[in-house]
Amino acid sequence: MEFINHITKESYTGKNLELLSKTGFSGEFLTFNQAFKVGGVVPKGTKSVASLVRFLNNDNPKKAQFKRFAVFHISQIEFNKES
C-alpha cells in the first residue's frame, strides 16, 4: 500500500506511515487547507482519518517542536465538478 500527499506527491514516512496504515485507506491524503486550495470541500461532519505529526525546524535542537495536523483521504473530499 502507498500513502502519498495529494498536493506534493511525496510519500509519508516514519510514524505518519504507521498511523495511516491503520486507517484502512491507501492512496492520497490531504489536509483541510490543502483541499480548500485545490477547490475541494470537506463535507460538514466529516472526521479526519488520522492526526499526523510534522517536525518544525527549530534553531534549538534540544527543544524539538512538532505540529499535529488532521488529514483526510481523497475519497472524503468533494470537488467542484464544474471546473
C-alpha atoms as a PDB file:
ATOM      1  CA  MET A   1       0.000   0.000   0.000  1.00  0.00           C
ATOM      2  CA  GLU A   2       1.126   3.502  -0.737  1.00  0.00           C
ATOM      3  CA  PHE A   3       0.351   6.650   1.235  1.00  0.00           C
ATOM      4  CA  ILE A   4       1.102   9.936  -0.523  1.00  0.00           C
ATOM      5  CA  ASN A   5       0.200  13.586  -0.188  1.00  0.00           C
ATOM      6  CA  HIS A   6      -2.217  14.630  -2.956  1.00  0.00           C
ATOM      7  CA  ILE A   7      -0.565  18.033  -3.428  1.00  0.00           C
ATOM      8  CA  THR A   8       3.160  17.328  -3.050  1.00  0.00           C
ATOM      9  CA  LYS A   9       3.034  13.745  -4.364  1.00  0.00           C
ATOM     10  CA  GLU A  10       5.531  12.837  -1.629  1.00  0.00           C
ATOM     11  CA  SER A  11       5.190   9.608   0.336  1.00  0.00           C
ATOM     12  CA  TYR A  12       4.547   9.744   4.057  1.00  0.00           C
ATOM     13  CA  THR A  13       7.311   8.273   6.201  1.00  0.00           C
ATOM     14  CA  GLY A  14       8.075   7.229   9.759  1.00  0.00           C
ATOM     15  CA  LYS A  15       5.357   7.346  12.393  1.00  0.00           C
ATOM     16  CA  ASN A  16       2.944   9.002   9.939  1.00  0.00           C
ATOM     17  CA  LEU A  17       3.206   5.991   7.651  1.00  0.00           C
ATOM     18  CA  GLU A  18       2.366   3.729  10.575  1.00  0.00           C
ATOM     19  CA  LEU A  19      -0.638   5.885  11.551  1.00  0.00           C
ATOM     20  CA  LEU A  20      -2.015   5.946   8.001  1.00  0.00           C
ATOM     21  CA  SER A  21      -1.620   2.188   7.576  1.00  0.00           C
ATOM     22  CA  LYS A  22      -4.050   1.704  10.489  1.00  0.00           C
ATOM     23  CA  THR A  23      -6.801   3.768   8.815  1.00  0.00           C
ATOM     24  CA  GLY A  24      -7.877   1.198   6.253  1.00  0.00           C
ATOM     25  CA  PHE A  25      -7.315   3.745   3.468  1.00  0.00           C
ATOM     26  CA  SER A  26      -4.461   3.902   0.987  1.00  0.00           C
ATOM     27  CA  GLY A  27      -3.558   6.291  -1.776  1.00  0.00           C
ATOM     28  CA  GLU A  28      -3.730  10.055  -1.496  1.00  0.00           C
ATOM     29  CA  PHE A  29      -4.358  12.220   1.565  1.00  0.00           C
ATOM     30  CA  LEU A  30      -4.587  15.959   2.145  1.00  0.00           C
ATOM     31  CA  THR A  31      -5.252  18.453   4.903  1.00  0.00           C
ATOM     32  CA  PHE A  32      -8.330  20.647   5.168  1.00  0.00           C
ATOM     33  CA  ASN A  33      -6.380  23.668   3.891  1.00  0.00           C
ATOM     34  CA  GLN A  34      -4.877  21.724   1.003  1.00  0.00           C
ATOM     35  CA  ALA A  35      -8.351  20.551  -0.035  1.00  0.00           C
ATOM     36  CA  PHE A  36      -9.610  24.139   0.041  1.00  0.00           C
ATOM     37  CA  LYS A  37      -6.673  25.399  -2.042  1.00  0.00           C
ATOM     38  CA  VAL A  38      -7.390  22.916  -4.852  1.00  0.00           C
ATOM     39  CA  GLY A  39     -11.121  23.658  -4.920  1.00  0.00           C
ATOM     40  CA  GLY A  40     -12.266  20.816  -2.711  1.00  0.00           C
ATOM     41  CA  VAL A  41     -14.617  20.852   0.244  1.00  0.00           C
ATOM     42  CA  VAL A  42     -14.561  18.677   3.339  1.00  0.00           C
ATOM     43  CA  PRO A  43     -18.256  17.976   3.971  1.00  0.00           C
ATOM     44  CA  LYS A  44     -19.570  19.157   7.332  1.00  0.00           C
ATOM     45  CA  GLY A  45     -19.226  16.459   9.982  1.00  0.00           C
ATOM     46  CA  THR A  46     -16.510  14.536   8.125  1.00  0.00           C
ATOM     47  CA  LYS A  47     -13.911  13.131  10.506  1.00  0.00           C
ATOM     48  CA  SER A  48     -10.240  13.106   9.588  1.00  0.00           C
ATOM     49  CA  VAL A  49      -8.705   9.680   9.109  1.00  0.00           C
ATOM     50  CA  ALA A  50      -5.563  10.467  11.111  1.00  0.00           C
ATOM     51  CA  SER A  51      -3.750  13.153  13.043  1.00  0.00           C
ATOM     52  CA  LEU A  52      -0.223  13.273  11.698  1.00  0.00           C
ATOM     53  CA  VAL A  53       2.876  14.951  13.086  1.00  0.00           C
ATOM     54  CA  ARG A  54       5.314  17.298  11.372  1.00  0.00           C
ATOM     55  CA  PHE A  55       8.667  18.271  12.829  1.00  0.00           C
ATOM     56  CA  LEU A  56       9.173  22.025  12.831  1.00  0.00           C
ATOM     57  CA  ASN A  57      12.734  23.090  12.099  1.00  0.00           C
ATOM     58  CA  ASN A  58      13.994  24.817  15.191  1.00  0.00           C
ATOM     59  CA  ASP A  59      17.238  26.648  15.905  1.00  0.00           C
ATOM     60  CA  ASN A  60      17.491  24.912  19.279  1.00  0.00           C
ATOM     61  CA  PRO A  61      17.792  21.128  18.712  1.00  0.00           C
ATOM     62  CA  LYS A  62      17.225  20.458  22.429  1.00  0.00           C
ATOM     63  CA  LYS A  63      13.715  21.930  22.138  1.00  0.00           C
ATOM     64  CA  ALA A  64      12.225  19.997  19.254  1.00  0.00           C
ATOM     65  CA  GLN A  65       8.803  21.218  18.202  1.00  0.00           C
ATOM     66  CA  PHE A  66       6.111  19.260  16.458  1.00  0.00           C
ATOM     67  CA  LYS A  67       2.816  20.275  14.900  1.00  0.00           C
ATOM     68  CA  ARG A  68      -0.180  17.988  14.564  1.00  0.00           C
ATOM     69  CA  PHE A  69      -2.481  18.196  11.583  1.00  0.00           C
ATOM     70  CA  ALA A  70      -5.556  16.288  10.537  1.00  0.00           C
ATOM     71  CA  VAL A  71      -5.579  14.561   7.155  1.00  0.00           C
ATOM     72  CA  PHE A  72      -8.443  13.350   5.031  1.00  0.00           C
ATOM     73  CA  HIS A  73      -8.479  10.643   2.393  1.00  0.00           C
ATOM     74  CA  ILE A  74      -9.073  11.901  -1.136  1.00  0.00           C
ATOM     75  CA  SER A  75     -12.388   9.983  -1.234  1.00  0.00           C
ATOM     76  CA  GLN A  76     -13.732  12.170   1.601  1.00  0.00           C
ATOM     77  CA  ILE A  77     -13.251  15.395  -0.352  1.00  0.00           C
ATOM     78  CA  GLU A  78     -15.944  16.815  -2.625  1.00  0.00           C
ATOM     79  CA  PHE A  79     -14.551  18.577  -5.677  1.00  0.00           C
ATOM     80  CA  ASN A  80     -16.459  21.096  -7.777  1.00  0.00           C
ATOM     81  CA  LYS A  81     -17.354  19.217 -10.948  1.00  0.00           C
ATOM     82  CA  GLU A  82     -17.889  22.436 -12.948  1.00  0.00           C
ATOM     83  CA  SER A  83     -14.184  23.427 -13.019  1.00  0.00           C
END
